[in-house]
Protein backbone atom coordinates (compact mmCIF):
# COMPACT_ATOMS: atom_id res chain seq x y z
CA UNK A 1 0.00 0.00 0.00
CA UNK A 2 1.53 3.36 -1.04
CA UNK A 3 2.32 5.88 1.65
CA UNK A 4 1.79 9.63 1.59
CA UNK A 5 3.85 11.81 3.93
CA UNK A 6 2.21 15.08 5.01
CA UNK A 7 4.60 17.61 6.60
CA UNK A 8 3.13 20.46 8.64
CA UNK A 9 4.58 23.97 8.70
CA UNK A 10 6.11 23.04 12.06
CA UNK A 11 7.84 19.99 10.58
CA UNK A 12 5.56 17.32 12.07
CA UNK A 13 5.05 14.36 9.74
CA UNK A 14 1.93 12.24 9.27
CA UNK A 15 2.58 9.07 7.28
CA UNK A 16 -0.65 7.67 5.84
CA UNK A 17 -1.39 4.46 3.97
CA UNK A 18 -3.34 5.36 0.83
CA UNK A 19 -5.23 3.23 -1.63
CA UNK A 20 -4.01 3.20 -5.23
CA UNK A 21 -6.26 5.64 -7.10
CA UNK A 22 -7.21 7.58 -3.97
CA UNK A 23 -6.39 11.29 -4.03
CA UNK A 24 -3.86 12.86 -1.70
CA UNK A 25 -6.76 15.00 -0.40
CA UNK A 26 -9.07 12.04 0.26
CA UNK A 27 -6.37 10.13 2.15
CA UNK A 28 -5.70 13.21 4.29
CA UNK A 29 -9.36 13.86 5.07
CA UNK A 30 -10.00 10.18 5.83
CA UNK A 31 -7.14 10.25 8.35
CA UNK A 32 -7.68 13.71 9.87
CA UNK A 33 -4.46 15.24 8.60
CA UNK A 34 -4.32 18.87 9.77
CA UNK A 35 -4.33 21.53 7.07
CA UNK A 36 -6.35 19.74 4.41
CA UNK A 37 -10.10 20.23 4.46
CA UNK A 38 -11.19 19.32 0.94
CA UNK A 39 -14.25 21.53 1.30
CA UNK A 40 -15.55 20.83 -2.23
CA UNK A 41 -14.99 17.08 -1.95
CA UNK A 42 -12.48 17.01 -4.79
CA UNK A 43 -14.63 18.78 -7.38
CA UNK A 44 -11.90 21.27 -8.34
CA UNK A 45 -13.84 24.24 -7.03
CA UNK A 46 -11.93 25.28 -3.91
CA UNK A 47 -8.30 25.36 -2.82
CA UNK A 48 -8.63 23.88 0.67
CA UNK A 49 -6.44 20.94 -0.32
CA UNK A 50 -3.52 23.05 -1.61
CA UNK A 51 -0.19 21.32 -1.06
CA UNK A 52 3.39 21.89 -2.04
CA UNK A 53 4.86 18.74 -3.56
CA UNK A 54 8.46 18.13 -2.53
CA UNK A 55 11.21 16.94 -4.83
CA UNK A 56 11.78 14.37 -6.28
CA UNK A 57 8.03 13.82 -6.64
CA UNK A 58 7.19 17.03 -8.55
CA UNK A 59 8.22 15.60 -11.90
CA UNK A 60 6.33 12.34 -11.24
CA UNK A 61 3.18 14.25 -10.30
CA UNK A 62 3.48 16.65 -13.22
CA UNK A 63 2.16 20.13 -13.71
CA UNK A 64 -1.39 21.17 -12.87
CA UNK A 65 -3.95 21.15 -15.65
CA UNK A 66 -5.37 24.45 -16.89
CA UNK A 67 -8.39 24.54 -14.55
CA UNK A 68 -6.29 23.53 -11.55
CA UNK A 69 -3.64 26.15 -12.36
CA UNK A 70 -6.32 28.85 -12.66
CA UNK A 71 -7.84 27.88 -9.32
CA UNK A 72 -4.43 27.85 -7.64
CA UNK A 73 -3.54 31.21 -9.15
CA UNK A 74 -6.80 32.78 -7.97
CA UNK A 75 -7.39 30.83 -4.76
CA UNK A 76 -4.08 30.75 -2.88
CA UNK A 77 -1.64 33.41 -1.78
CA UNK A 78 1.51 31.27 -1.89
CA UNK A 79 1.24 29.67 -5.34
CA UNK A 80 4.61 28.29 -6.46
CA UNK A 81 5.88 25.75 -8.98
CA UNK A 82 5.47 23.16 -6.21
CA UNK A 83 1.76 23.94 -5.80
CA UNK A 84 -0.88 21.35 -6.58
CA UNK A 85 -4.37 20.60 -5.36
CA UNK A 86 -4.34 17.36 -3.39
CA UNK A 87 -7.63 16.33 -4.98
CA UNK A 88 -5.91 16.22 -8.36
CA UNK A 89 -3.00 13.99 -7.29
CA UNK A 90 -4.04 10.36 -7.43
CA UNK A 91 -1.85 7.88 -5.56
CA UNK A 92 -0.01 5.27 -7.61
CA UNK A 93 2.70 2.77 -6.73
CA UNK A 94 5.15 5.16 -8.46
CA UNK A 95 4.18 7.87 -5.95
CA UNK A 96 4.78 5.65 -2.89
CA UNK A 97 6.41 7.88 -0.27
CA UNK A 98 5.33 11.17 -1.86
CA UNK A 99 5.96 14.09 0.47
CA UNK A 100 3.56 17.03 0.48
CA UNK A 101 3.18 20.11 2.64
CA UNK A 102 -0.43 21.21 3.30
CA UNK A 103 -0.75 24.99 2.87
CA UNK A 104 -3.85 26.00 4.90
CA UNK A 105 -2.52 29.47 5.62
CA UNK A 106 -2.64 30.24 1.89
CA UNK A 107 -6.42 30.16 1.48
CA UNK A 108 -8.05 33.46 0.57
PDB file of N, CA and C in Angstrom:
ATOM      1  N   UNK A   1       0.850  -1.175   0.000  1.00  0.00           N
ATOM      2  CA  UNK A   1       0.000   0.000   0.000  1.00  0.00           C
ATOM      3  C   UNK A   1       0.895   1.237   0.000  1.00  0.00           C
ATOM      4  N   UNK A   2       0.702   2.146  -0.965  1.00  0.00           N
ATOM      5  CA  UNK A   2       1.531   3.356  -1.036  1.00  0.00           C
ATOM      6  C   UNK A   2       1.328   4.252   0.181  1.00  0.00           C
ATOM      7  N   UNK A   3       2.377   4.947   0.537  1.00  0.00           N
ATOM      8  CA  UNK A   3       2.322   5.884   1.653  1.00  0.00           C
ATOM      9  C   UNK A   3       2.412   7.311   1.137  1.00  0.00           C
ATOM     10  N   UNK A   4       1.703   8.204   1.839  1.00  0.00           N
ATOM     11  CA  UNK A   4       1.785   9.635   1.585  1.00  0.00           C
ATOM     12  C   UNK A   4       2.282  10.263   2.882  1.00  0.00           C
ATOM     13  N   UNK A   5       3.287  11.124   2.768  1.00  0.00           N
ATOM     14  CA  UNK A   5       3.849  11.810   3.927  1.00  0.00           C
ATOM     15  C   UNK A   5       3.406  13.268   3.863  1.00  0.00           C
ATOM     16  N   UNK A   6       2.688  13.707   4.894  1.00  0.00           N
ATOM     17  CA  UNK A   6       2.214  15.085   5.009  1.00  0.00           C
ATOM     18  C   UNK A   6       3.088  15.765   6.055  1.00  0.00           C
ATOM     19  N   UNK A   7       3.707  16.892   5.692  1.00  0.00           N
ATOM     20  CA  UNK A   7       4.597  17.606   6.598  1.00  0.00           C
ATOM     21  C   UNK A   7       3.981  18.956   6.925  1.00  0.00           C
ATOM     22  N   UNK A   8       3.735  19.191   8.212  1.00  0.00           N
ATOM     23  CA  UNK A   8       3.133  20.456   8.643  1.00  0.00           C
ATOM     24  C   UNK A   8       4.162  21.572   8.581  1.00  0.00           C
ATOM     25  N   UNK A   9       3.693  22.810   8.686  1.00  0.00           N
ATOM     26  CA  UNK A   9       4.581  23.970   8.699  1.00  0.00           C
ATOM     27  C   UNK A   9       5.591  23.880   9.833  1.00  0.00           C
ATOM     28  N   UNK A  10       5.207  23.209  10.926  1.00  0.00           N
ATOM     29  CA  UNK A  10       6.110  23.038  12.059  1.00  0.00           C
ATOM     30  C   UNK A  10       7.060  21.860  11.919  1.00  0.00           C
ATOM     31  N   UNK A  11       6.937  21.113  10.823  1.00  0.00           N
ATOM     32  CA  UNK A  11       7.840  19.987  10.579  1.00  0.00           C
ATOM     33  C   UNK A  11       7.322  18.639  11.032  1.00  0.00           C
ATOM     34  N   UNK A  12       6.129  18.601  11.649  1.00  0.00           N
ATOM     35  CA  UNK A  12       5.563  17.317  12.065  1.00  0.00           C
ATOM     36  C   UNK A  12       5.136  16.524  10.837  1.00  0.00           C
ATOM     37  N   UNK A  13       5.403  15.222  10.862  1.00  0.00           N
ATOM     38  CA  UNK A  13       5.048  14.357   9.744  1.00  0.00           C
ATOM     39  C   UNK A  13       3.907  13.416  10.110  1.00  0.00           C
ATOM     40  N   UNK A  14       2.980  13.256   9.175  1.00  0.00           N
ATOM     41  CA  UNK A  14       1.928  12.244   9.270  1.00  0.00           C
ATOM     42  C   UNK A  14       2.129  11.319   8.077  1.00  0.00           C
ATOM     43  N   UNK A  15       2.384  10.047   8.349  1.00  0.00           N
ATOM     44  CA  UNK A  15       2.576   9.068   7.283  1.00  0.00           C
ATOM     45  C   UNK A  15       1.301   8.247   7.196  1.00  0.00           C
ATOM     46  N   UNK A  16       0.663   8.280   6.031  1.00  0.00           N
ATOM     47  CA  UNK A  16      -0.647   7.673   5.838  1.00  0.00           C
ATOM     48  C   UNK A  16      -0.577   6.610   4.756  1.00  0.00           C
ATOM     49  N   UNK A  17      -1.206   5.471   5.004  1.00  0.00           N
ATOM     50  CA  UNK A  17      -1.387   4.460   3.969  1.00  0.00           C
ATOM     51  C   UNK A  17      -2.541   4.909   3.093  1.00  0.00           C
ATOM     52  N   UNK A  18      -2.304   4.941   1.782  1.00  0.00           N
ATOM     53  CA  UNK A  18      -3.338   5.363   0.835  1.00  0.00           C
ATOM     54  C   UNK A  18      -3.625   4.234  -0.141  1.00  0.00           C
ATOM     55  N   UNK A  19      -4.835   4.201  -0.614  1.00  0.00           N
ATOM     56  CA  UNK A  19      -5.228   3.231  -1.632  1.00  0.00           C
ATOM     57  C   UNK A  19      -4.761   3.729  -2.997  1.00  0.00           C
ATOM     58  N   UNK A  20      -4.326   2.823  -3.859  1.00  0.00           N
ATOM     59  CA  UNK A  20      -4.008   3.205  -5.233  1.00  0.00           C
ATOM     60  C   UNK A  20      -5.272   3.792  -5.856  1.00  0.00           C
ATOM     61  N   UNK A  21      -5.132   4.950  -6.481  1.00  0.00           N
ATOM     62  CA  UNK A  21      -6.255   5.641  -7.099  1.00  0.00           C
ATOM     63  C   UNK A  21      -6.905   6.684  -6.207  1.00  0.00           C
ATOM     64  N   UNK A  22      -6.665   6.605  -4.906  1.00  0.00           N
ATOM     65  CA  UNK A  22      -7.209   7.584  -3.973  1.00  0.00           C
ATOM     66  C   UNK A  22      -6.437   8.892  -4.128  1.00  0.00           C
ATOM     67  N   UNK A  23      -7.099  10.015  -3.940  1.00  0.00           N
ATOM     68  CA  UNK A  23      -6.392  11.290  -4.033  1.00  0.00           C
ATOM     69  C   UNK A  23      -5.636  11.586  -2.738  1.00  0.00           C
ATOM     70  N   UNK A  24      -4.624  12.409  -2.863  1.00  0.00           N
ATOM     71  CA  UNK A  24      -3.859  12.862  -1.702  1.00  0.00           C
ATOM     72  C   UNK A  24      -4.798  13.571  -0.728  1.00  0.00           C
ATOM     73  N   UNK A  25      -5.775  14.320  -1.248  1.00  0.00           N
ATOM     74  CA  UNK A  25      -6.760  14.999  -0.401  1.00  0.00           C
ATOM     75  C   UNK A  25      -7.629  13.994   0.345  1.00  0.00           C
ATOM     76  N   UNK A  26      -8.170  13.005  -0.362  1.00  0.00           N
ATOM     77  CA  UNK A  26      -9.071  12.038   0.263  1.00  0.00           C
ATOM     78  C   UNK A  26      -8.368  11.247   1.365  1.00  0.00           C
ATOM     79  N   UNK A  27      -7.126  10.862   1.125  1.00  0.00           N
ATOM     80  CA  UNK A  27      -6.368  10.127   2.149  1.00  0.00           C
ATOM     81  C   UNK A  27      -6.167  10.998   3.382  1.00  0.00           C
ATOM     82  N   UNK A  28      -5.897  12.296   3.171  1.00  0.00           N
ATOM     83  CA  UNK A  28      -5.700  13.213   4.294  1.00  0.00           C
ATOM     84  C   UNK A  28      -6.979  13.397   5.089  1.00  0.00           C
ATOM     85  N   UNK A  29      -8.079  13.645   4.393  1.00  0.00           N
ATOM     86  CA  UNK A  29      -9.364  13.864   5.066  1.00  0.00           C
ATOM     87  C   UNK A  29      -9.779  12.612   5.831  1.00  0.00           C
ATOM     88  N   UNK A  30      -9.619  11.457   5.201  1.00  0.00           N
ATOM     89  CA  UNK A  30      -9.998  10.181   5.833  1.00  0.00           C
ATOM     90  C   UNK A  30      -9.222   9.947   7.127  1.00  0.00           C
ATOM     91  N   UNK A  31      -8.004  10.484   7.198  1.00  0.00           N
ATOM     92  CA  UNK A  31      -7.144  10.249   8.352  1.00  0.00           C
ATOM     93  C   UNK A  31      -6.970  11.473   9.246  1.00  0.00           C
ATOM     94  N   UNK A  32      -7.727  12.529   8.999  1.00  0.00           N
ATOM     95  CA  UNK A  32      -7.683  13.708   9.868  1.00  0.00           C
ATOM     96  C   UNK A  32      -6.375  14.470   9.845  1.00  0.00           C
ATOM     97  N   UNK A  33      -5.716  14.507   8.698  1.00  0.00           N
ATOM     98  CA  UNK A  33      -4.459  15.241   8.599  1.00  0.00           C
ATOM     99  C   UNK A  33      -4.750  16.741   8.696  1.00  0.00           C
ATOM    100  N   UNK A  34      -4.097  17.433   9.625  1.00  0.00           N
ATOM    101  CA  UNK A  34      -4.320  18.874   9.766  1.00  0.00           C
ATOM    102  C   UNK A  34      -3.910  19.634   8.505  1.00  0.00           C
ATOM    103  N   UNK A  35      -4.693  20.661   8.172  1.00  0.00           N
ATOM    104  CA  UNK A  35      -4.329  21.533   7.071  1.00  0.00           C
ATOM    105  C   UNK A  35      -4.978  21.211   5.747  1.00  0.00           C
ATOM    106  N   UNK A  36      -5.655  20.081   5.649  1.00  0.00           N
ATOM    107  CA  UNK A  36      -6.355  19.737   4.413  1.00  0.00           C
ATOM    108  C   UNK A  36      -7.813  19.496   4.755  1.00  0.00           C
ATOM    109  N   UNK A  37      -8.670  20.343   4.186  1.00  0.00           N
ATOM    110  CA  UNK A  37     -10.096  20.231   4.459  1.00  0.00           C
ATOM    111  C   UNK A  37     -10.820  19.541   3.320  1.00  0.00           C
ATOM    112  N   UNK A  38     -10.494  19.908   2.083  1.00  0.00           N
ATOM    113  CA  UNK A  38     -11.193  19.324   0.943  1.00  0.00           C
ATOM    114  C   UNK A  38     -12.660  19.728   0.934  1.00  0.00           C
ATOM    115  N   UNK A  39     -12.901  20.996   1.153  1.00  0.00           N
ATOM    116  CA  UNK A  39     -14.251  21.529   1.302  1.00  0.00           C
ATOM    117  C   UNK A  39     -15.191  21.159   0.157  1.00  0.00           C
ATOM    118  N   UNK A  40     -14.686  21.130  -1.085  1.00  0.00           N
ATOM    119  CA  UNK A  40     -15.554  20.835  -2.235  1.00  0.00           C
ATOM    120  C   UNK A  40     -15.620  19.345  -2.537  1.00  0.00           C
ATOM    121  N   UNK A  41     -14.941  18.521  -1.742  1.00  0.00           N
ATOM    122  CA  UNK A  41     -14.988  17.080  -1.952  1.00  0.00           C
ATOM    123  C   UNK A  41     -14.223  16.609  -3.176  1.00  0.00           C
ATOM    124  N   UNK A  42     -13.284  17.403  -3.643  1.00  0.00           N
ATOM    125  CA  UNK A  42     -12.477  17.005  -4.788  1.00  0.00           C
ATOM    126  C   UNK A  42     -13.071  17.378  -6.126  1.00  0.00           C
ATOM    127  N   UNK A  43     -13.953  18.371  -6.146  1.00  0.00           N
ATOM    128  CA  UNK A  43     -14.631  18.775  -7.380  1.00  0.00           C
ATOM    129  C   UNK A  43     -13.915  19.906  -8.122  1.00  0.00           C
ATOM    130  N   UNK A  44     -12.710  20.236  -7.698  1.00  0.00           N
ATOM    131  CA  UNK A  44     -11.902  21.268  -8.344  1.00  0.00           C
ATOM    132  C   UNK A  44     -12.599  22.631  -8.314  1.00  0.00           C
ATOM    133  N   UNK A  45     -13.173  22.943  -7.136  1.00  0.00           N
ATOM    134  CA  UNK A  45     -13.839  24.238  -7.031  1.00  0.00           C
ATOM    135  C   UNK A  45     -13.454  25.003  -5.769  1.00  0.00           C
ATOM    136  N   UNK A  46     -12.463  24.539  -5.051  1.00  0.00           N
ATOM    137  CA  UNK A  46     -11.927  25.285  -3.910  1.00  0.00           C
ATOM    138  C   UNK A  46     -10.421  25.020  -3.878  1.00  0.00           C
ATOM    139  N   UNK A  47      -9.749  25.591  -2.928  1.00  0.00           N
ATOM    140  CA  UNK A  47      -8.305  25.365  -2.820  1.00  0.00           C
ATOM    141  C   UNK A  47      -7.938  24.911  -1.414  1.00  0.00           C
ATOM    142  N   UNK A  48      -8.873  24.286  -0.717  1.00  0.00           N
ATOM    143  CA  UNK A  48      -8.632  23.882   0.670  1.00  0.00           C
ATOM    144  C   UNK A  48      -7.864  22.573   0.783  1.00  0.00           C
ATOM    145  N   UNK A  49      -7.325  22.112  -0.344  1.00  0.00           N
ATOM    146  CA  UNK A  49      -6.440  20.939  -0.325  1.00  0.00           C
ATOM    147  C   UNK A  49      -5.112  21.283  -0.979  1.00  0.00           C
ATOM    148  N   UNK A  50      -4.782  22.595  -1.015  1.00  0.00           N
ATOM    149  CA  UNK A  50      -3.523  23.050  -1.612  1.00  0.00           C
ATOM    150  C   UNK A  50      -2.345  22.442  -0.867  1.00  0.00           C
ATOM    151  N   UNK A  51      -1.427  21.869  -1.627  1.00  0.00           N
ATOM    152  CA  UNK A  51      -0.194  21.319  -1.062  1.00  0.00           C
ATOM    153  C   UNK A  51       0.984  21.765  -1.914  1.00  0.00           C
ATOM    154  N   UNK A  52       2.147  21.773  -1.298  1.00  0.00           N
ATOM    155  CA  UNK A  52       3.393  21.888  -2.039  1.00  0.00           C
ATOM    156  C   UNK A  52       3.944  20.481  -2.132  1.00  0.00           C
ATOM    157  N   UNK A  53       4.285  20.057  -3.328  1.00  0.00           N
ATOM    158  CA  UNK A  53       4.864  18.736  -3.557  1.00  0.00           C
ATOM    159  C   UNK A  53       6.379  18.882  -3.497  1.00  0.00           C
ATOM    160  N   UNK A  54       7.003  18.082  -2.658  1.00  0.00           N
ATOM    161  CA  UNK A  54       8.462  18.134  -2.528  1.00  0.00           C
ATOM    162  C   UNK A  54       9.135  17.314  -3.622  1.00  0.00           C
ATOM    163  N   UNK A  55      10.371  17.720  -3.917  1.00  0.00           N
ATOM    164  CA  UNK A  55      11.212  16.940  -4.826  1.00  0.00           C
ATOM    165  C   UNK A  55      11.530  15.620  -4.142  1.00  0.00           C
ATOM    166  N   UNK A  56      11.732  14.538  -4.832  1.00  0.00           N
ATOM    167  CA  UNK A  56      11.776  14.373  -6.284  1.00  0.00           C
ATOM    168  C   UNK A  56      10.417  14.023  -6.893  1.00  0.00           C
ATOM    169  N   UNK A  57       9.346  14.252  -6.178  1.00  0.00           N
ATOM    170  CA  UNK A  57       8.028  13.815  -6.643  1.00  0.00           C
ATOM    171  C   UNK A  57       7.355  14.792  -7.601  1.00  0.00           C
ATOM    172  N   UNK A  58       7.842  16.037  -7.680  1.00  0.00           N
ATOM    173  CA  UNK A  58       7.192  17.027  -8.546  1.00  0.00           C
ATOM    174  C   UNK A  58       7.109  16.562  -9.992  1.00  0.00           C
ATOM    175  N   UNK A  59       8.207  16.039 -10.502  1.00  0.00           N
ATOM    176  CA  UNK A  59       8.216  15.596 -11.898  1.00  0.00           C
ATOM    177  C   UNK A  59       7.265  14.415 -12.102  1.00  0.00           C
ATOM    178  N   UNK A  60       7.225  13.498 -11.140  1.00  0.00           N
ATOM    179  CA  UNK A  60       6.332  12.340 -11.245  1.00  0.00           C
ATOM    180  C   UNK A  60       4.864  12.754 -11.212  1.00  0.00           C
ATOM    181  N   UNK A  61       4.557  13.761 -10.412  1.00  0.00           N
ATOM    182  CA  UNK A  61       3.181  14.247 -10.296  1.00  0.00           C
ATOM    183  C   UNK A  61       2.802  15.060 -11.533  1.00  0.00           C
ATOM    184  N   UNK A  62       3.737  15.821 -12.036  1.00  0.00           N
ATOM    185  CA  UNK A  62       3.478  16.648 -13.217  1.00  0.00           C
ATOM    186  C   UNK A  62       2.902  17.999 -12.853  1.00  0.00           C
ATOM    187  N   UNK A  63       2.698  18.789 -13.884  1.00  0.00           N
ATOM    188  CA  UNK A  63       2.164  20.134 -13.707  1.00  0.00           C
ATOM    189  C   UNK A  63       0.643  20.087 -13.569  1.00  0.00           C
ATOM    190  N   UNK A  64       0.072  21.111 -12.952  1.00  0.00           N
ATOM    191  CA  UNK A  64      -1.390  21.167 -12.874  1.00  0.00           C
ATOM    192  C   UNK A  64      -1.998  21.385 -14.257  1.00  0.00           C
ATOM    193  N   UNK A  65      -3.205  20.874 -14.431  1.00  0.00           N
ATOM    194  CA  UNK A  65      -3.953  21.151 -15.649  1.00  0.00           C
ATOM    195  C   UNK A  65      -4.396  22.602 -15.651  1.00  0.00           C
ATOM    196  N   UNK A  66      -4.994  23.040 -16.742  1.00  0.00           N
ATOM    197  CA  UNK A  66      -5.371  24.447 -16.893  1.00  0.00           C
ATOM    198  C   UNK A  66      -6.356  24.915 -15.819  1.00  0.00           C
ATOM    199  N   UNK A  67      -7.410  24.143 -15.564  1.00  0.00           N
ATOM    200  CA  UNK A  67      -8.391  24.541 -14.549  1.00  0.00           C
ATOM    201  C   UNK A  67      -7.768  24.571 -13.155  1.00  0.00           C
ATOM    202  N   UNK A  68      -6.954  23.567 -12.850  1.00  0.00           N
ATOM    203  CA  UNK A  68      -6.288  23.525 -11.548  1.00  0.00           C
ATOM    204  C   UNK A  68      -5.345  24.714 -11.391  1.00  0.00           C
ATOM    205  N   UNK A  69      -4.567  25.025 -12.420  1.00  0.00           N
ATOM    206  CA  UNK A  69      -3.635  26.153 -12.361  1.00  0.00           C
ATOM    207  C   UNK A  69      -4.388  27.466 -12.153  1.00  0.00           C
ATOM    208  N   UNK A  70      -5.520  27.634 -12.838  1.00  0.00           N
ATOM    209  CA  UNK A  70      -6.318  28.847 -12.657  1.00  0.00           C
ATOM    210  C   UNK A  70      -6.829  28.959 -11.229  1.00  0.00           C
ATOM    211  N   UNK A  71      -7.324  27.863 -10.682  1.00  0.00           N
ATOM    212  CA  UNK A  71      -7.840  27.883  -9.316  1.00  0.00           C
ATOM    213  C   UNK A  71      -6.725  28.180  -8.319  1.00  0.00           C
ATOM    214  N   UNK A  72      -5.565  27.578  -8.519  1.00  0.00           N
ATOM    215  CA  UNK A  72      -4.430  27.852  -7.637  1.00  0.00           C
ATOM    216  C   UNK A  72      -4.014  29.316  -7.731  1.00  0.00           C
ATOM    217  N   UNK A  73      -3.959  29.834  -8.942  1.00  0.00           N
ATOM    218  CA  UNK A  73      -3.543  31.215  -9.148  1.00  0.00           C
ATOM    219  C   UNK A  73      -4.507  32.190  -8.471  1.00  0.00           C
ATOM    220  N   UNK A  74      -5.792  31.903  -8.547  1.00  0.00           N
ATOM    221  CA  UNK A  74      -6.801  32.783  -7.966  1.00  0.00           C
ATOM    222  C   UNK A  74      -7.091  32.494  -6.501  1.00  0.00           C
ATOM    223  N   UNK A  75      -6.902  31.238  -6.073  1.00  0.00           N
ATOM    224  CA  UNK A  75      -7.390  30.827  -4.763  1.00  0.00           C
ATOM    225  C   UNK A  75      -6.380  30.741  -3.644  1.00  0.00           C
ATOM    226  N   UNK A  76      -5.077  30.860  -3.947  1.00  0.00           N
ATOM    227  CA  UNK A  76      -4.082  30.746  -2.878  1.00  0.00           C
ATOM    228  C   UNK A  76      -3.095  31.904  -2.960  1.00  0.00           C
ATOM    229  N   UNK A  77      -2.566  32.280  -1.817  1.00  0.00           N
ATOM    230  CA  UNK A  77      -1.642  33.414  -1.779  1.00  0.00           C
ATOM    231  C   UNK A  77      -0.187  32.990  -1.960  1.00  0.00           C
ATOM    232  N   UNK A  78       0.118  31.708  -1.776  1.00  0.00           N
ATOM    233  CA  UNK A  78       1.513  31.268  -1.888  1.00  0.00           C
ATOM    234  C   UNK A  78       1.684  30.227  -2.999  1.00  0.00           C
ATOM    235  N   UNK A  79       1.129  30.524  -4.161  1.00  0.00           N
ATOM    236  CA  UNK A  79       1.237  29.669  -5.344  1.00  0.00           C
ATOM    237  C   UNK A  79       2.682  29.645  -5.826  1.00  0.00           C
ATOM    238  N   UNK A  80       3.245  28.452  -5.963  1.00  0.00           N
ATOM    239  CA  UNK A  80       4.615  28.288  -6.460  1.00  0.00           C
ATOM    240  C   UNK A  80       4.620  27.151  -7.475  1.00  0.00           C
ATOM    241  N   UNK A  81       5.775  26.877  -8.042  1.00  0.00           N
ATOM    242  CA  UNK A  81       5.879  25.755  -8.984  1.00  0.00           C
ATOM    243  C   UNK A  81       5.652  24.416  -8.293  1.00  0.00           C
ATOM    244  N   UNK A  82       5.713  24.382  -6.978  1.00  0.00           N
ATOM    245  CA  UNK A  82       5.474  23.155  -6.214  1.00  0.00           C
ATOM    246  C   UNK A  82       3.997  22.962  -5.884  1.00  0.00           C
ATOM    247  N   UNK A  83       3.169  23.975  -6.180  1.00  0.00           N
ATOM    248  CA  UNK A  83       1.756  23.942  -5.797  1.00  0.00           C
ATOM    249  C   UNK A  83       0.946  22.961  -6.638  1.00  0.00           C
ATOM    250  N   UNK A  84       0.119  22.211  -5.943  1.00  0.00           N
ATOM    251  CA  UNK A  84      -0.878  21.352  -6.581  1.00  0.00           C
ATOM    252  C   UNK A  84      -2.069  21.267  -5.639  1.00  0.00           C
ATOM    253  N   UNK A  85      -3.210  20.896  -6.189  1.00  0.00           N
ATOM    254  CA  UNK A  85      -4.371  20.596  -5.360  1.00  0.00           C
ATOM    255  C   UNK A  85      -4.326  19.111  -5.065  1.00  0.00           C
ATOM    256  N   UNK A  86      -4.418  18.763  -3.786  1.00  0.00           N
ATOM    257  CA  UNK A  86      -4.340  17.363  -3.386  1.00  0.00           C
ATOM    258  C   UNK A  86      -5.414  16.499  -4.019  1.00  0.00           C
ATOM    259  N   UNK A  87      -6.552  17.099  -4.365  1.00  0.00           N
ATOM    260  CA  UNK A  87      -7.629  16.329  -4.983  1.00  0.00           C
ATOM    261  C   UNK A  87      -7.287  15.896  -6.399  1.00  0.00           C
ATOM    262  N   UNK A  88      -6.279  16.529  -6.988  1.00  0.00           N
ATOM    263  CA  UNK A  88      -5.907  16.224  -8.361  1.00  0.00           C
ATOM    264  C   UNK A  88      -4.674  15.319  -8.461  1.00  0.00           C
ATOM    265  N   UNK A  89      -4.136  14.929  -7.313  1.00  0.00           N
ATOM    266  CA  UNK A  89      -3.002  13.995  -7.286  1.00  0.00           C
ATOM    267  C   UNK A  89      -3.546  12.651  -6.841  1.00  0.00           C
ATOM    268  N   UNK A  90      -3.533  11.698  -7.740  1.00  0.00           N
ATOM    269  CA  UNK A  90      -4.037  10.361  -7.427  1.00  0.00           C
ATOM    270  C   UNK A  90      -2.871   9.422  -7.159  1.00  0.00           C
ATOM    271  N   UNK A  91      -2.928   8.737  -6.033  1.00  0.00           N
ATOM    272  CA  UNK A  91      -1.847   7.881  -5.564  1.00  0.00           C
ATOM    273  C   UNK A  91      -1.668   6.689  -6.498  1.00  0.00           C
ATOM    274  N   UNK A  92      -0.411   6.439  -6.834  1.00  0.00           N
ATOM    275  CA  UNK A  92      -0.009   5.268  -7.611  1.00  0.00           C
ATOM    276  C   UNK A  92       1.157   4.607  -6.883  1.00  0.00           C
ATOM    277  N   UNK A  93       1.521   3.423  -7.310  1.00  0.00           N
ATOM    278  CA  UNK A  93       2.704   2.771  -6.730  1.00  0.00           C
ATOM    279  C   UNK A  93       3.949   3.625  -6.970  1.00  0.00           C
ATOM    280  N   UNK A  94       4.009   4.303  -8.128  1.00  0.00           N
ATOM    281  CA  UNK A  94       5.147   5.158  -8.457  1.00  0.00           C
ATOM    282  C   UNK A  94       5.276   6.333  -7.484  1.00  0.00           C
ATOM    283  N   UNK A  95       4.158   6.746  -6.887  1.00  0.00           N
ATOM    284  CA  UNK A  95       4.177   7.868  -5.945  1.00  0.00           C
ATOM    285  C   UNK A  95       4.326   7.425  -4.492  1.00  0.00           C
ATOM    286  N   UNK A  96       4.595   6.147  -4.259  1.00  0.00           N
ATOM    287  CA  UNK A  96       4.777   5.652  -2.890  1.00  0.00           C
ATOM    288  C   UNK A  96       5.842   6.484  -2.188  1.00  0.00           C
ATOM    289  N   UNK A  97       5.487   7.060  -1.043  1.00  0.00           N
ATOM    290  CA  UNK A  97       6.406   7.877  -0.265  1.00  0.00           C
ATOM    291  C   UNK A  97       6.362   9.356  -0.612  1.00  0.00           C
ATOM    292  N   UNK A  98       5.428   9.755  -1.479  1.00  0.00           N
ATOM    293  CA  UNK A  98       5.326  11.166  -1.860  1.00  0.00           C
ATOM    294  C   UNK A  98       5.240  12.040  -0.605  1.00  0.00           C
ATOM    295  N   UNK A  99       5.941  13.159  -0.647  1.00  0.00           N
ATOM    296  CA  UNK A  99       5.960  14.093   0.474  1.00  0.00           C
ATOM    297  C   UNK A  99       5.306  15.390   0.027  1.00  0.00           C
ATOM    298  N   UNK A 100       4.269  15.795   0.774  1.00  0.00           N
ATOM    299  CA  UNK A 100       3.560  17.033   0.477  1.00  0.00           C
ATOM    300  C   UNK A 100       3.442  17.871   1.744  1.00  0.00           C
ATOM    301  N   UNK A 101       3.362  19.171   1.538  1.00  0.00           N
ATOM    302  CA  UNK A 101       3.178  20.111   2.645  1.00  0.00           C
ATOM    303  C   UNK A 101       1.827  20.795   2.490  1.00  0.00           C
ATOM    304  N   UNK A 102       0.849  20.486   3.338  1.00  0.00           N
ATOM    305  CA  UNK A 102      -0.435  21.210   3.303  1.00  0.00           C
ATOM    306  C   UNK A 102      -0.189  22.702   3.530  1.00  0.00           C
ATOM    307  N   UNK A 103      -0.930  23.536   2.816  1.00  0.00           N
ATOM    308  CA  UNK A 103      -0.746  24.990   2.871  1.00  0.00           C
ATOM    309  C   UNK A 103      -2.010  25.707   3.326  1.00  0.00           C
ATOM    310  N   UNK A 104      -2.582  25.385   4.487  1.00  0.00           N
ATOM    311  CA  UNK A 104      -3.853  25.998   4.898  1.00  0.00           C
ATOM    312  C   UNK A 104      -3.782  27.509   5.076  1.00  0.00           C
ATOM    313  N   UNK A 105      -2.618  28.024   5.391  1.00  0.00           N
ATOM    314  CA  UNK A 105      -2.516  29.472   5.620  1.00  0.00           C
ATOM    315  C   UNK A 105      -2.613  30.250   4.310  1.00  0.00           C
ATOM    316  N   UNK A 106      -2.621  29.544   3.183  1.00  0.00           N
ATOM    317  CA  UNK A 106      -2.641  30.238   1.893  1.00  0.00           C
ATOM    318  C   UNK A 106      -4.046  30.527   1.380  1.00  0.00           C
ATOM    319  N   UNK A 107      -5.069  29.975   1.999  1.00  0.00           N
ATOM    320  CA  UNK A 107      -6.420  30.160   1.484  1.00  0.00           C
ATOM    321  C   UNK A 107      -6.849  31.610   1.597  1.00  0.00           C
ATOM    322  N   UNK A 108      -7.488  32.096   0.545  1.00  0.00           N
ATOM    323  CA  UNK A 108      -8.048  33.458   0.570  1.00  0.00           C
ATOM    324  C   UNK A 108      -9.410  33.413   1.210  1.00  0.00           C
TER     325      UNK A 108
END
